[in-house]
Amino acid sequence: MRRLNRKKTLNLVKELDAFPKVPQSYVETSASGGTVSLIAFTTMALLTIMEFSVYQDTWMKYEYEVDKDFSSKLRINIDITVAMKCQYVGADVLDLAETMVASADGLVYEPAIFDLSPQQKEWQRMLQLIQSRLQEEHSLQDVIFKSAFKSASTALPPREDDSSQSPDACRIRGHLYVNKVAGNFHITVGKAIPHPRGHAHLAALVNHESYNFSHRIDHLSFGELVPGIINPLDGTEKIAVDHNQMFQYFITVVPTKLHTYKISADTHQFSVTERERIINHAAGSHGVSGIFMKYDLSSLMVTVTEEHMPFWQFFVRLCGIVGGIFSTTGMLHGIGKFIVEIICCRFRLGAYKPVHSVPFEDGHTDNHLPLLENNTH
């Protein structure tokens, strides 16, 4: 009884077989079918390799939301060299809340030589080349995000030559913590002193002829310092053509959360607009000589996440490639074979031609239509 039930079950399963097997003796092969099969297998192999390379790669996903964090402090990372001696310049921040952050809170003044060494010039040239490529190819920013902490440091390398030249510039580097409101970081003549209405700089003791705000921005970023990230102003160099010259940078800072397979960091991206002009009160160009970086914070926050194709999606796409090529090549081969058969049949039909009746000796005639290839006349 059990054997009977098992046999019925097997017969039922056989009837549900969606892949019936054709006996080998009924299978007919052809040269055209082999050629199409070879093309199909080659195409499948190439597409499979390409799909596997896509599966191994990752991409960056951007999400936007309102930034609700206004209580924390904003970190500004600075590395700027000014072509004036350190005792003549001062740097500080004044925000819209009239809060002054003095440079003594986190910045270091180092005497330096403004002209770069050959190795440093090569570093600056490569950094400027990368900046120009980033402006043309915005997708390169994703590559920089994914290579953070893996690539070489973007900091200015130390001088490799022992120059006997006396320092003629001041390197201001370090970081400051400011309120998350719009503010103005500036470097101008004289040290900053507190003032009831803000602050002031002791510029009266500095000779006007010594003013030279030629500068080089080796690094400027906001938020957590992430090695390997290249910011818009890194590698910028400006040469002053007049003693009374003002350099202005208008910066819009966007809070950014970066999540990759290597790091997770709270940093900031920013865009910048530059302007420079000569101070000439007689011509109506008012202001103060110096370097002014006016920054404002965006109300939106960007979350950048590195994503990877899941295995099930890769498997489904791979099955689609194999099945699609099999079906497509089979249909194309069938259509091509059908067209060839129609053309060949027309040629064969055109090969038949009527001939005159052939009389026999007994008086009968042959009315059959022999083929041309068998006709000896």
Protein backbone atom coordinates (compact mmCIF):
# COMPACT_ATOMS: atom_id res chain seq x y z
CA MET A 1 0.00 0.00 0.00
CA ARG A 2 2.79 2.36 0.85
CA ARG A 3 4.58 1.54 -2.38
CA LEU A 4 1.39 2.32 -4.31
CA ASN A 5 0.97 5.68 -2.61
CA ARG A 6 4.63 6.47 -3.21
CA LYS A 7 4.27 5.58 -6.87
CA LYS A 8 1.24 7.86 -7.22
CA THR A 9 3.11 10.67 -5.54
CA LEU A 10 6.07 10.26 -7.89
CA ASN A 11 3.75 10.23 -10.91
CA LEU A 12 2.09 13.42 -9.68
CA VAL A 13 5.47 15.09 -9.21
CA LYS A 14 6.51 14.01 -12.72
CA GLU A 15 3.40 15.61 -14.18
CA LEU A 16 4.37 18.89 -12.51
CA ASP A 17 7.82 18.83 -14.12
CA ALA A 18 8.33 22.19 -15.87
CA PHE A 19 11.61 21.03 -17.42
CA PRO A 20 10.80 17.96 -19.52
CA LYS A 21 13.80 16.07 -20.83
CA VAL A 22 14.17 15.44 -24.55
CA PRO A 23 15.82 12.17 -25.57
CA GLN A 24 19.29 12.65 -27.01
CA SER A 25 18.30 10.90 -30.22
CA TYR A 26 15.73 13.64 -30.93
CA VAL A 27 18.22 16.50 -30.49
CA GLU A 28 19.53 17.95 -33.75
CA THR A 29 22.64 20.14 -33.70
CA SER A 30 23.72 22.60 -36.37
CA ALA A 31 26.64 24.89 -37.13
CA SER A 32 24.46 28.00 -36.81
CA GLY A 33 23.19 26.87 -33.41
CA GLY A 34 26.75 26.23 -32.21
CA THR A 35 27.83 29.68 -33.38
CA VAL A 36 24.94 31.36 -31.56
CA SER A 37 25.67 29.31 -28.43
CA LEU A 38 29.32 30.38 -28.52
CA ILE A 39 28.31 34.04 -28.83
CA ALA A 40 25.80 33.62 -25.99
CA PHE A 41 28.32 32.00 -23.61
CA THR A 42 30.92 34.66 -24.38
CA THR A 43 28.42 37.46 -23.73
CA MET A 44 27.32 35.84 -20.49
CA ALA A 45 30.90 35.53 -19.30
CA LEU A 46 31.66 39.21 -20.05
CA LEU A 47 28.47 40.48 -18.41
CA THR A 48 29.06 38.25 -15.37
CA ILE A 49 32.56 39.70 -14.90
CA MET A 50 31.19 43.24 -15.23
CA GLU A 51 28.39 42.51 -12.78
CA PHE A 52 30.86 41.07 -10.27
CA SER A 53 32.97 44.24 -10.48
CA VAL A 54 29.82 46.29 -9.77
CA TYR A 55 29.04 44.01 -6.83
CA GLN A 56 32.50 44.60 -5.37
CA ASP A 57 32.21 48.39 -5.72
CA THR A 58 30.41 50.74 -3.31
CA TRP A 59 28.69 54.08 -3.75
CA MET A 60 27.80 57.05 -1.57
CA LYS A 61 24.20 57.78 -0.61
CA TYR A 62 23.25 61.36 0.27
CA GLU A 63 20.38 62.15 2.65
CA TYR A 64 19.22 65.59 3.79
CA GLU A 65 17.53 66.69 6.98
CA VAL A 66 17.20 69.76 9.19
CA ASP A 67 20.14 70.32 11.52
CA LYS A 68 18.70 70.44 15.04
CA ASP A 69 22.00 70.72 16.89
CA PHE A 70 22.60 74.37 17.76
CA SER A 71 24.04 73.99 21.25
CA SER A 72 27.35 72.36 20.36
CA LYS A 73 30.49 74.22 19.35
CA LEU A 74 31.90 74.42 15.84
CA ARG A 75 35.56 73.59 15.39
CA ILE A 76 37.62 75.55 12.84
CA ASN A 77 40.91 73.97 11.72
CA ILE A 78 43.40 76.52 10.38
CA ASP A 79 46.82 76.41 8.73
CA ILE A 80 47.58 79.73 7.00
CA THR A 81 50.90 81.39 6.22
CA VAL A 82 50.95 85.20 5.90
CA ALA A 83 53.88 87.11 4.39
CA MET A 84 54.34 89.27 7.51
CA LYS A 85 56.22 88.74 10.74
CA CYS A 86 54.28 87.25 13.61
CA GLN A 87 54.54 90.31 15.84
CA TYR A 88 52.72 92.39 13.22
CA VAL A 89 49.58 90.26 12.69
CA GLY A 90 46.72 88.97 14.81
CA ALA A 91 43.95 86.44 14.21
CA ASP A 92 40.63 86.01 15.97
CA VAL A 93 36.93 85.30 15.44
CA LEU A 94 33.94 87.55 16.05
CA ASP A 95 30.48 86.02 15.59
CA LEU A 96 27.00 87.54 15.30
CA ALA A 97 26.45 87.11 19.03
CA GLU A 98 29.33 89.60 19.54
CA THR A 99 31.37 86.79 21.06
CA MET A 100 35.09 87.15 20.50
CA VAL A 101 37.33 84.11 20.35
CA ALA A 102 40.97 85.12 20.65
CA SER A 103 43.68 83.29 18.73
CA ALA A 104 45.43 82.46 21.99
CA ASP A 105 42.70 79.92 22.68
CA GLY A 106 44.08 77.42 20.19
CA LEU A 107 46.24 78.97 17.47
CA VAL A 108 50.02 78.90 17.30
CA TYR A 109 52.14 81.58 15.60
CA GLU A 110 55.30 80.18 14.01
CA PRO A 111 57.95 82.20 12.13
CA ALA A 112 58.29 80.73 8.66
CA ILE A 113 59.66 81.33 5.18
CA PHE A 114 56.93 82.27 2.72
CA ASP A 115 58.65 80.79 -0.35
CA LEU A 116 58.21 77.04 -0.52
CA SER A 117 60.97 74.51 -1.00
CA PRO A 118 61.00 72.41 -4.23
CA GLN A 119 59.26 69.48 -2.54
CA GLN A 120 56.64 71.78 -1.01
CA LYS A 121 56.02 73.45 -4.38
CA GLU A 122 55.41 70.03 -5.92
CA TRP A 123 52.95 69.26 -3.11
CA GLN A 124 51.14 72.54 -3.73
CA ARG A 125 51.03 71.95 -7.49
CA MET A 126 49.49 68.50 -7.04
CA LEU A 127 46.95 69.85 -4.55
CA GLN A 128 45.91 72.62 -6.95
CA LEU A 129 45.62 70.05 -9.76
CA ILE A 130 43.29 67.93 -7.61
CA GLN A 131 41.24 71.03 -6.78
CA SER A 132 40.79 71.85 -10.46
CA ARG A 133 39.72 68.27 -11.21
CA LEU A 134 37.25 68.34 -8.32
CA GLN A 135 35.60 71.43 -9.79
CA GLU A 136 35.16 69.63 -13.12
CA GLU A 137 34.34 66.13 -11.86
CA HIS A 138 32.12 66.34 -8.77
CA SER A 139 31.90 62.55 -8.54
CA LEU A 140 35.56 62.50 -7.44
CA GLN A 141 34.37 63.73 -4.04
CA ASP A 142 32.85 60.28 -3.44
CA VAL A 143 36.25 58.72 -4.08
CA ILE A 144 37.82 61.08 -1.54
CA PHE A 145 35.17 60.21 1.04
CA LYS A 146 35.76 56.48 0.57
CA SER A 147 39.55 56.88 0.76
CA ALA A 148 39.50 58.94 3.96
CA PHE A 149 42.05 57.74 6.53
CA LYS A 150 43.56 55.46 3.82
CA SER A 151 45.16 58.09 1.61
CA ALA A 152 48.25 60.13 2.39
CA SER A 153 47.99 63.16 4.63
CA THR A 154 47.14 66.43 2.91
CA ALA A 155 49.17 68.52 5.37
CA LEU A 156 52.07 70.65 4.14
CA PRO A 157 55.26 68.55 4.27
CA PRO A 158 58.23 69.98 6.20
CA ARG A 159 61.06 71.69 4.37
CA GLU A 160 63.68 69.27 3.12
CA ASP A 161 66.34 71.96 2.69
CA ASP A 162 68.21 73.70 5.52
CA SER A 163 67.62 77.24 4.34
CA SER A 164 69.71 79.93 6.01
CA GLN A 165 67.17 82.56 5.00
CA SER A 166 65.66 84.41 7.93
CA PRO A 167 61.90 83.97 8.47
CA ASP A 168 59.86 86.57 6.62
CA ALA A 169 56.37 85.17 7.23
CA CYS A 170 54.12 83.86 9.98
CA ARG A 171 52.44 80.48 9.96
CA ILE A 172 49.20 80.50 11.95
CA ARG A 173 47.91 77.01 12.65
CA GLY A 174 45.73 75.19 15.13
CA HIS A 175 42.02 75.14 15.84
CA LEU A 176 39.32 77.25 17.46
CA TYR A 177 35.92 76.41 18.93
CA VAL A 178 33.18 78.90 18.10
CA ASN A 179 29.40 79.14 18.44
CA LYS A 180 27.28 77.61 15.68
CA VAL A 181 26.25 80.99 14.33
CA ALA A 182 27.57 83.12 11.49
CA GLY A 183 30.93 84.70 12.23
CA ASN A 184 34.04 86.31 10.83
CA PHE A 185 37.50 84.82 11.17
CA HIS A 186 40.08 87.40 10.16
CA ILE A 187 43.80 88.04 10.12
CA THR A 188 44.80 91.69 10.12
CA VAL A 189 47.47 94.06 11.36
CA GLY A 190 48.09 94.20 15.12
CA LYS A 191 47.09 92.02 18.01
CA ALA A 192 43.43 91.92 19.00
CA ILE A 193 42.25 93.50 22.26
CA PRO A 194 38.76 93.33 23.82
CA HIS A 195 36.48 96.29 23.29
CA PRO A 196 33.02 97.14 24.72
CA ARG A 197 31.58 97.23 21.20
CA GLY A 198 33.44 94.21 19.94
CA HIS A 199 37.19 94.26 19.63
CA ALA A 200 40.04 96.24 18.08
CA HIS A 201 43.52 95.62 16.70
CA LEU A 202 46.62 97.56 17.71
CA ALA A 203 47.65 98.58 14.21
CA ALA A 204 48.98 102.03 14.96
CA LEU A 205 52.38 100.69 16.02
CA VAL A 206 52.97 98.88 12.71
CA ASN A 207 54.60 100.68 9.79
CA HIS A 208 52.22 100.95 6.86
CA GLU A 209 54.96 99.99 4.39
CA SER A 210 55.32 96.59 6.05
CA TYR A 211 51.75 95.61 5.19
CA ASN A 212 51.80 92.49 2.98
CA PHE A 213 48.83 90.17 3.13
CA SER A 214 50.07 87.74 0.54
CA HIS A 215 49.03 84.41 2.01
CA ARG A 216 48.84 80.70 1.42
CA ILE A 217 46.04 78.53 2.83
CA ASP A 218 47.52 75.10 3.42
CA HIS A 219 44.42 73.87 5.22
CA LEU A 220 41.04 75.21 6.28
CA SER A 221 38.20 72.98 7.45
CA PHE A 222 35.28 72.90 9.83
CA GLY A 223 34.32 70.18 12.27
CA GLU A 224 36.23 67.01 13.07
CA LEU A 225 39.60 66.82 11.34
CA VAL A 226 39.50 63.90 8.88
CA PRO A 227 42.85 63.04 7.23
CA GLY A 228 42.64 62.52 3.49
CA ILE A 229 39.74 64.93 2.92
CA ILE A 230 40.58 67.81 0.56
CA ASN A 231 38.71 71.04 1.25
CA PRO A 232 37.93 73.80 -1.28
CA LEU A 233 40.56 76.28 -0.04
CA ASP A 234 43.43 73.84 0.54
CA GLY A 235 46.44 74.87 -1.54
CA THR A 236 45.15 78.39 -2.28
CA GLU A 237 47.81 81.08 -2.67
CA LYS A 238 47.17 84.81 -3.09
CA ILE A 239 49.80 87.46 -3.79
CA ALA A 240 49.05 91.05 -2.76
CA VAL A 241 49.80 93.74 -5.34
CA ASP A 242 49.34 96.62 -2.89
CA HIS A 243 49.96 97.31 0.79
CA ASN A 244 46.31 98.20 1.34
CA GLN A 245 44.65 95.06 0.03
CA MET A 246 41.70 93.13 1.42
CA PHE A 247 41.06 89.44 0.72
CA GLN A 248 37.55 88.19 1.44
CA TYR A 249 36.21 84.64 1.52
CA PHE A 250 32.45 84.12 1.86
CA ILE A 251 31.90 80.59 3.14
CA THR A 252 28.71 78.54 3.52
CA VAL A 253 29.22 75.63 5.91
CA VAL A 254 27.07 72.48 5.63
CA PRO A 255 27.09 70.03 8.58
CA THR A 256 27.93 66.56 7.31
CA LYS A 257 27.83 63.13 8.91
CA LEU A 258 30.16 60.74 7.14
CA HIS A 259 29.62 56.99 7.52
CA THR A 260 31.85 54.67 5.50
CA TYR A 261 33.13 51.14 6.06
CA LYS A 262 36.33 52.69 7.43
CA ILE A 263 35.22 55.68 9.51
CA SER A 264 32.28 57.53 11.06
CA ALA A 265 32.85 61.23 11.57
CA ASP A 266 30.91 64.45 12.16
CA THR A 267 32.53 66.90 9.80
CA HIS A 268 31.47 69.82 7.61
CA GLN A 269 31.58 70.59 3.92
CA PHE A 270 31.62 74.14 2.64
CA SER A 271 31.43 76.22 -0.51
CA VAL A 272 33.32 79.46 -0.93
CA THR A 273 33.23 82.66 -2.98
CA GLU A 274 36.37 84.77 -3.20
CA ARG A 275 36.84 88.52 -3.59
CA GLU A 276 39.82 90.82 -3.33
CA ARG A 277 40.15 94.58 -3.64
CA ILE A 278 42.50 97.45 -2.87
CA ILE A 279 41.51 99.78 -0.03
CA ASN A 280 41.31 103.33 -1.37
CA HIS A 281 39.18 105.66 0.72
CA ALA A 282 39.46 108.47 -1.86
CA ALA A 283 37.89 106.20 -4.51
CA GLY A 284 35.16 104.97 -2.16
CA SER A 285 36.71 101.57 -1.49
CA HIS A 286 36.56 101.44 2.29
CA GLY A 287 37.62 98.72 4.65
CA VAL A 288 40.60 97.30 6.51
CA SER A 289 43.59 95.55 5.00
CA GLY A 290 43.72 91.88 5.88
CA ILE A 291 42.27 88.42 5.29
CA PHE A 292 38.59 88.00 6.16
CA MET A 293 36.70 84.71 6.15
CA LYS A 294 33.01 85.27 6.72
CA TYR A 295 31.23 82.00 7.34
CA ASP A 296 27.58 81.10 7.74
CA LEU A 297 25.99 77.76 8.61
CA SER A 298 23.35 76.00 6.57
CA SER A 299 20.18 74.85 8.28
CA LEU A 300 20.37 71.52 6.44
CA MET A 301 22.52 68.59 7.44
CA VAL A 302 23.84 66.04 4.95
CA THR A 303 24.33 62.39 5.85
CA VAL A 304 26.75 60.60 3.52
CA THR A 305 26.62 56.80 3.80
CA GLU A 306 28.69 54.26 1.89
CA GLU A 307 26.45 51.48 0.58
CA HIS A 308 27.09 48.09 -1.00
CA MET A 309 24.94 45.90 -3.25
CA PRO A 310 23.43 43.03 -1.20
CA PHE A 311 24.20 39.48 -2.28
CA TRP A 312 20.58 38.59 -3.06
CA GLN A 313 20.34 41.50 -5.49
CA PHE A 314 23.59 40.44 -7.15
CA PHE A 315 22.27 36.87 -7.47
CA VAL A 316 18.95 38.04 -8.99
CA ARG A 317 20.75 40.27 -11.49
CA LEU A 318 23.07 37.38 -12.41
CA CYS A 319 20.11 35.06 -13.00
CA GLY A 320 18.48 37.74 -15.12
CA ILE A 321 21.61 38.01 -17.26
CA VAL A 322 21.90 34.26 -17.85
CA GLY A 323 18.19 33.67 -18.48
CA GLY A 324 17.78 36.79 -20.59
CA ILE A 325 20.68 35.94 -22.89
CA PHE A 326 19.48 32.34 -23.29
CA SER A 327 15.96 33.45 -24.19
CA THR A 328 17.06 36.31 -26.46
CA THR A 329 19.62 34.31 -28.41
CA GLY A 330 17.16 31.44 -28.78
CA MET A 331 14.51 33.75 -30.23
CA LEU A 332 16.99 35.49 -32.53
CA HIS A 333 18.31 32.14 -33.76
CA GLY A 334 14.78 30.92 -34.42
CA ILE A 335 13.83 34.09 -36.30
CA GLY A 336 17.02 33.97 -38.35
CA LYS A 337 16.49 30.30 -39.19
CA PHE A 338 12.92 31.01 -40.24
CA ILE A 339 13.99 33.85 -42.55
CA VAL A 340 16.73 31.72 -44.09
CA GLU A 341 14.28 28.87 -44.71
CA ILE A 342 11.82 31.23 -46.46
CA ILE A 343 14.56 32.62 -48.71
CA CYS A 344 15.89 29.14 -49.53
CA CYS A 345 12.40 27.83 -50.29
CA ARG A 346 11.85 30.64 -52.78
CA PHE A 347 15.07 29.75 -54.55
CA ARG A 348 14.03 26.12 -54.66
CA LEU A 349 10.63 26.94 -56.07
CA GLY A 350 12.27 29.05 -58.75
CA ALA A 351 14.39 26.05 -59.73
CA TYR A 352 11.34 24.18 -61.07
CA LYS A 353 10.54 24.92 -64.78
CA PRO A 354 7.96 23.22 -67.08
CA VAL A 355 9.31 21.27 -70.08
CA HIS A 356 7.67 19.90 -73.27
CA SER A 357 6.06 16.50 -73.19
CA VAL A 358 8.31 13.63 -74.09
CA PRO A 359 6.60 11.09 -76.44
CA PHE A 360 7.20 7.37 -75.94
CA GLU A 361 7.39 4.73 -78.61
CA ASP A 362 3.92 3.42 -77.76
CA GLY A 363 2.36 6.84 -78.40
CA HIS A 364 2.00 7.94 -74.75
CA THR A 365 3.46 11.17 -73.47
CA ASP A 366 5.28 11.94 -70.20
CA ASN A 367 3.69 14.98 -68.53
CA HIS A 368 5.95 14.97 -65.42
CA LEU A 369 8.07 18.00 -64.68
CA PRO A 370 11.62 16.88 -64.06
CA LEU A 371 14.06 19.08 -62.09
CA LEU A 372 16.50 21.22 -64.01
CA GLU A 373 19.46 19.63 -62.33
CA ASN A 374 18.27 16.23 -63.64
CA ASN A 375 17.52 17.55 -67.15
CA THR A 376 20.25 16.63 -69.59
CA HIS A 377 18.86 18.71 -72.46
